[in-house]
Amino acid sequence: MAIVLGGEERQINWKILAGILAALIVIGGGIYFLFFAPTPVIEVIAPPAVRSTSELSGIRFDPAGVVNSDSFKSLRRYIDRPSVGEAGRANPFISF
């Protein structure tokens, strides 16, 4: 009977190792951007040309001026107003 002194060396599967390493990098990057990255403030995101709310609240709207205008009166209705129709059967428990 022979005595084996040197066993078989394990081969490293580089594809699996690279896949695990890539997955750890993606997970680590996601954790960083979710929890540790600085959040942008609203002044950085919003453009400076946006009007302030005080300017927008100063706008006055006159509904009578819209309804009485010539362009509003020249509009035509292409679809009739909806009407109430029949809603189901008189007795829903009878057979068809």
N, C-alpha and C. Protein backbone atom coordinates (compact mmCIF):
# COMPACT_ATOMS: atom_id res chain seq x y z
N MET A 1 0.84 -1.16 0.00
CA MET A 1 0.00 0.00 0.00
C MET A 1 0.89 1.23 0.00
N ALA A 2 0.52 2.18 -0.82
CA ALA A 2 1.35 3.37 -0.98
C ALA A 2 0.86 4.48 -0.07
N ILE A 3 1.77 5.23 0.45
CA ILE A 3 1.45 6.36 1.30
C ILE A 3 1.56 7.63 0.46
N VAL A 4 0.50 8.39 0.45
CA VAL A 4 0.49 9.63 -0.32
C VAL A 4 0.82 10.78 0.61
N LEU A 5 1.91 11.46 0.34
CA LEU A 5 2.32 12.56 1.21
C LEU A 5 1.75 13.89 0.73
N GLY A 6 1.77 14.11 -0.51
CA GLY A 6 1.27 15.38 -1.05
C GLY A 6 -0.12 15.16 -1.63
N GLY A 7 -1.13 15.79 -1.07
CA GLY A 7 -2.48 15.64 -1.58
C GLY A 7 -2.71 16.50 -2.81
N GLU A 8 -3.89 16.38 -3.35
CA GLU A 8 -4.22 17.19 -4.51
C GLU A 8 -4.40 18.65 -4.08
N GLU A 9 -3.85 19.52 -4.87
CA GLU A 9 -4.02 20.94 -4.58
C GLU A 9 -5.36 21.40 -5.15
N ARG A 10 -6.03 22.21 -4.36
CA ARG A 10 -7.31 22.74 -4.83
C ARG A 10 -7.07 23.84 -5.84
N GLN A 11 -7.83 23.82 -6.90
CA GLN A 11 -7.74 24.86 -7.91
C GLN A 11 -8.72 25.97 -7.53
N ILE A 12 -8.29 27.19 -7.67
CA ILE A 12 -9.14 28.33 -7.36
C ILE A 12 -9.99 28.63 -8.59
N ASN A 13 -11.29 28.70 -8.40
CA ASN A 13 -12.20 29.03 -9.49
C ASN A 13 -12.29 30.55 -9.56
N TRP A 14 -11.59 31.13 -10.53
CA TRP A 14 -11.48 32.58 -10.63
C TRP A 14 -12.79 33.24 -11.04
N LYS A 15 -13.61 32.54 -11.80
CA LYS A 15 -14.89 33.12 -12.21
C LYS A 15 -15.82 33.33 -11.02
N ILE A 16 -15.89 32.34 -10.15
CA ILE A 16 -16.75 32.46 -8.97
C ILE A 16 -16.20 33.54 -8.04
N LEU A 17 -14.90 33.58 -7.88
CA LEU A 17 -14.28 34.59 -7.02
C LEU A 17 -14.53 36.00 -7.56
N ALA A 18 -14.42 36.17 -8.87
CA ALA A 18 -14.68 37.49 -9.47
C ALA A 18 -16.16 37.86 -9.33
N GLY A 19 -17.07 36.90 -9.47
CA GLY A 19 -18.50 37.18 -9.31
C GLY A 19 -18.84 37.59 -7.90
N ILE A 20 -18.27 36.91 -6.91
CA ILE A 20 -18.51 37.26 -5.51
C ILE A 20 -17.94 38.64 -5.21
N LEU A 21 -16.77 38.93 -5.73
CA LEU A 21 -16.15 40.23 -5.50
C LEU A 21 -16.98 41.35 -6.14
N ALA A 22 -17.49 41.13 -7.34
CA ALA A 22 -18.33 42.13 -8.01
C ALA A 22 -19.63 42.35 -7.23
N ALA A 23 -20.23 41.26 -6.73
CA ALA A 23 -21.46 41.40 -5.96
C ALA A 23 -21.21 42.18 -4.68
N LEU A 24 -20.09 41.94 -4.02
CA LEU A 24 -19.76 42.68 -2.79
C LEU A 24 -19.52 44.17 -3.08
N ILE A 25 -18.92 44.47 -4.23
CA ILE A 25 -18.69 45.87 -4.59
C ILE A 25 -20.02 46.57 -4.85
N VAL A 26 -20.93 45.90 -5.56
CA VAL A 26 -22.24 46.50 -5.85
C VAL A 26 -23.04 46.70 -4.56
N ILE A 27 -23.05 45.73 -3.69
CA ILE A 27 -23.78 45.84 -2.42
C ILE A 27 -23.16 46.94 -1.55
N GLY A 28 -21.84 46.99 -1.50
CA GLY A 28 -21.16 48.03 -0.72
C GLY A 28 -21.45 49.42 -1.26
N GLY A 29 -21.44 49.57 -2.57
CA GLY A 29 -21.77 50.87 -3.18
C GLY A 29 -23.20 51.28 -2.90
N GLY A 30 -24.12 50.33 -2.96
CA GLY A 30 -25.52 50.63 -2.65
C GLY A 30 -25.71 51.06 -1.22
N ILE A 31 -25.04 50.38 -0.31
CA ILE A 31 -25.13 50.75 1.11
C ILE A 31 -24.55 52.15 1.33
N TYR A 32 -23.44 52.46 0.65
CA TYR A 32 -22.85 53.79 0.81
C TYR A 32 -23.80 54.87 0.31
N PHE A 33 -24.37 54.70 -0.90
CA PHE A 33 -25.23 55.73 -1.45
C PHE A 33 -26.56 55.83 -0.72
N LEU A 34 -27.02 54.76 -0.11
CA LEU A 34 -28.28 54.82 0.64
C LEU A 34 -28.13 55.46 2.00
N PHE A 35 -27.03 55.14 2.69
CA PHE A 35 -26.93 55.54 4.10
C PHE A 35 -25.85 56.58 4.40
N PHE A 36 -24.77 56.63 3.63
CA PHE A 36 -23.63 57.45 4.03
C PHE A 36 -23.33 58.61 3.09
N ALA A 37 -23.85 58.62 1.88
CA ALA A 37 -23.55 59.69 0.93
C ALA A 37 -24.29 60.96 1.36
N PRO A 38 -23.70 62.12 1.16
CA PRO A 38 -24.39 63.37 1.53
C PRO A 38 -25.59 63.59 0.61
N THR A 39 -26.68 64.05 1.19
CA THR A 39 -27.90 64.29 0.41
C THR A 39 -27.88 65.70 -0.15
N PRO A 40 -28.31 65.88 -1.40
CA PRO A 40 -28.35 67.24 -1.96
C PRO A 40 -29.50 68.03 -1.36
N VAL A 41 -29.29 69.29 -1.19
CA VAL A 41 -30.33 70.15 -0.63
C VAL A 41 -31.19 70.70 -1.77
N ILE A 42 -32.34 71.21 -1.44
CA ILE A 42 -33.31 71.64 -2.45
C ILE A 42 -32.81 72.84 -3.24
N GLU A 43 -31.99 73.70 -2.67
CA GLU A 43 -31.49 74.87 -3.38
C GLU A 43 -30.56 74.45 -4.52
N VAL A 44 -29.89 73.33 -4.37
CA VAL A 44 -29.00 72.87 -5.42
C VAL A 44 -29.80 72.27 -6.56
N ILE A 45 -30.90 71.60 -6.27
CA ILE A 45 -31.69 70.93 -7.28
C ILE A 45 -32.57 71.91 -8.05
N ALA A 46 -33.23 72.81 -7.36
CA ALA A 46 -34.17 73.73 -8.00
C ALA A 46 -33.41 74.82 -8.76
N PRO A 47 -33.80 75.11 -9.99
CA PRO A 47 -33.11 76.18 -10.74
C PRO A 47 -33.46 77.54 -10.16
N PRO A 48 -32.58 78.50 -10.31
CA PRO A 48 -32.85 79.82 -9.72
C PRO A 48 -33.94 80.59 -10.44
N ALA A 49 -34.34 80.17 -11.64
CA ALA A 49 -35.35 80.91 -12.40
C ALA A 49 -36.77 80.60 -11.92
N VAL A 50 -36.92 79.68 -10.99
CA VAL A 50 -38.25 79.33 -10.49
C VAL A 50 -38.77 80.49 -9.64
N ARG A 51 -40.03 80.86 -9.90
CA ARG A 51 -40.62 81.96 -9.13
C ARG A 51 -40.88 81.52 -7.69
N SER A 52 -40.84 82.46 -6.82
CA SER A 52 -41.12 82.14 -5.43
C SER A 52 -42.63 82.02 -5.22
N THR A 53 -43.02 81.40 -4.14
CA THR A 53 -44.44 81.18 -3.88
C THR A 53 -45.17 82.49 -3.59
N SER A 54 -44.46 83.48 -3.09
CA SER A 54 -45.13 84.76 -2.83
C SER A 54 -45.53 85.44 -4.14
N GLU A 55 -44.74 85.29 -5.19
CA GLU A 55 -45.11 85.86 -6.48
C GLU A 55 -46.30 85.11 -7.06
N LEU A 56 -46.32 83.80 -6.89
CA LEU A 56 -47.43 83.00 -7.42
C LEU A 56 -48.72 83.26 -6.65
N SER A 57 -48.61 83.52 -5.36
CA SER A 57 -49.83 83.75 -4.59
C SER A 57 -50.43 85.12 -4.89
N GLY A 58 -49.68 86.01 -5.51
CA GLY A 58 -50.19 87.34 -5.84
C GLY A 58 -51.02 87.37 -7.11
N ILE A 59 -51.10 86.27 -7.84
CA ILE A 59 -51.87 86.23 -9.08
C ILE A 59 -53.35 86.23 -8.75
N ARG A 60 -54.11 87.06 -9.45
CA ARG A 60 -55.55 87.15 -9.25
C ARG A 60 -56.25 86.49 -10.43
N PHE A 61 -57.29 85.72 -10.15
CA PHE A 61 -58.04 85.02 -11.18
C PHE A 61 -59.49 85.48 -11.14
N ASP A 62 -60.01 85.88 -12.28
CA ASP A 62 -61.38 86.36 -12.37
C ASP A 62 -62.18 85.37 -13.22
N PRO A 63 -62.97 84.48 -12.58
CA PRO A 63 -63.74 83.50 -13.35
C PRO A 63 -64.79 84.14 -14.23
N ALA A 64 -65.38 85.24 -13.81
CA ALA A 64 -66.40 85.90 -14.63
C ALA A 64 -65.79 86.44 -15.92
N GLY A 65 -64.57 86.88 -15.86
CA GLY A 65 -63.90 87.38 -17.05
C GLY A 65 -63.64 86.26 -18.06
N VAL A 66 -63.37 85.06 -17.56
CA VAL A 66 -63.14 83.92 -18.45
C VAL A 66 -64.44 83.47 -19.08
N VAL A 67 -65.49 83.33 -18.28
CA VAL A 67 -66.77 82.83 -18.79
C VAL A 67 -67.40 83.82 -19.76
N ASN A 68 -67.23 85.09 -19.56
CA ASN A 68 -67.84 86.11 -20.42
C ASN A 68 -66.98 86.49 -21.61
N SER A 69 -65.82 85.90 -21.77
CA SER A 69 -64.95 86.27 -22.90
C SER A 69 -65.49 85.70 -24.20
N ASP A 70 -65.15 86.35 -25.31
CA ASP A 70 -65.62 85.93 -26.63
C ASP A 70 -65.04 84.58 -27.03
N SER A 71 -63.78 84.34 -26.69
CA SER A 71 -63.16 83.06 -27.07
C SER A 71 -63.79 81.90 -26.31
N PHE A 72 -64.20 82.10 -25.06
CA PHE A 72 -64.87 81.03 -24.32
C PHE A 72 -66.27 80.78 -24.87
N LYS A 73 -66.95 81.83 -25.27
CA LYS A 73 -68.30 81.68 -25.82
C LYS A 73 -68.29 81.04 -27.21
N SER A 74 -67.17 81.14 -27.93
CA SER A 74 -67.10 80.53 -29.26
C SER A 74 -66.81 79.03 -29.22
N LEU A 75 -66.53 78.49 -28.07
CA LEU A 75 -66.27 77.05 -27.96
C LEU A 75 -67.54 76.25 -28.17
N ARG A 76 -67.42 75.06 -28.80
CA ARG A 76 -68.57 74.20 -29.05
C ARG A 76 -68.40 72.91 -28.27
N ARG A 77 -69.52 72.30 -27.92
CA ARG A 77 -69.50 71.01 -27.23
C ARG A 77 -69.63 69.91 -28.29
N TYR A 78 -68.67 69.02 -28.33
CA TYR A 78 -68.67 67.94 -29.32
C TYR A 78 -69.29 66.66 -28.77
N ILE A 79 -69.36 66.53 -27.48
CA ILE A 79 -69.93 65.34 -26.84
C ILE A 79 -71.08 65.79 -25.95
N ASP A 80 -72.19 65.04 -25.99
CA ASP A 80 -73.33 65.38 -25.14
C ASP A 80 -72.99 65.14 -23.68
N ARG A 81 -73.76 65.79 -22.84
CA ARG A 81 -73.57 65.59 -21.41
C ARG A 81 -73.97 64.16 -21.04
N PRO A 82 -73.31 63.58 -20.06
CA PRO A 82 -73.67 62.21 -19.69
C PRO A 82 -75.05 62.17 -19.04
N SER A 83 -75.75 61.11 -19.31
CA SER A 83 -77.08 60.97 -18.73
C SER A 83 -77.11 59.74 -17.84
N VAL A 84 -78.06 59.71 -16.92
CA VAL A 84 -78.20 58.58 -16.02
C VAL A 84 -78.92 57.48 -16.77
N GLY A 85 -78.30 56.32 -16.84
CA GLY A 85 -78.90 55.20 -17.55
C GLY A 85 -79.49 54.19 -16.59
N GLU A 86 -79.83 53.05 -17.13
CA GLU A 86 -80.40 51.98 -16.32
C GLU A 86 -79.26 51.27 -15.60
N ALA A 87 -79.39 51.09 -14.30
CA ALA A 87 -78.33 50.51 -13.50
C ALA A 87 -78.67 49.10 -13.07
N GLY A 88 -78.46 48.13 -13.92
CA GLY A 88 -78.66 46.74 -13.54
C GLY A 88 -80.08 46.27 -13.70
N ARG A 89 -80.35 45.09 -13.15
CA ARG A 89 -81.68 44.49 -13.26
C ARG A 89 -82.52 44.85 -12.04
N ALA A 90 -83.80 44.72 -12.19
CA ALA A 90 -84.71 45.04 -11.07
C ALA A 90 -84.49 44.05 -9.93
N ASN A 91 -84.35 42.78 -10.26
CA ASN A 91 -84.09 41.76 -9.24
C ASN A 91 -82.83 41.04 -9.64
N PRO A 92 -81.73 41.28 -8.98
CA PRO A 92 -80.46 40.67 -9.40
C PRO A 92 -80.34 39.19 -9.03
N PHE A 93 -81.28 38.64 -8.27
CA PHE A 93 -81.17 37.27 -7.82
C PHE A 93 -81.92 36.27 -8.68
N ILE A 94 -82.68 36.74 -9.66
CA ILE A 94 -83.37 35.81 -10.53
C ILE A 94 -82.39 35.28 -11.57
N SER A 95 -82.67 34.12 -12.12
CA SER A 95 -81.77 33.52 -13.10
C SER A 95 -81.93 34.20 -14.45
N PHE A 96 -80.99 33.99 -15.32
CA PHE A 96 -81.01 34.61 -16.64
C PHE A 96 -81.99 33.88 -17.47
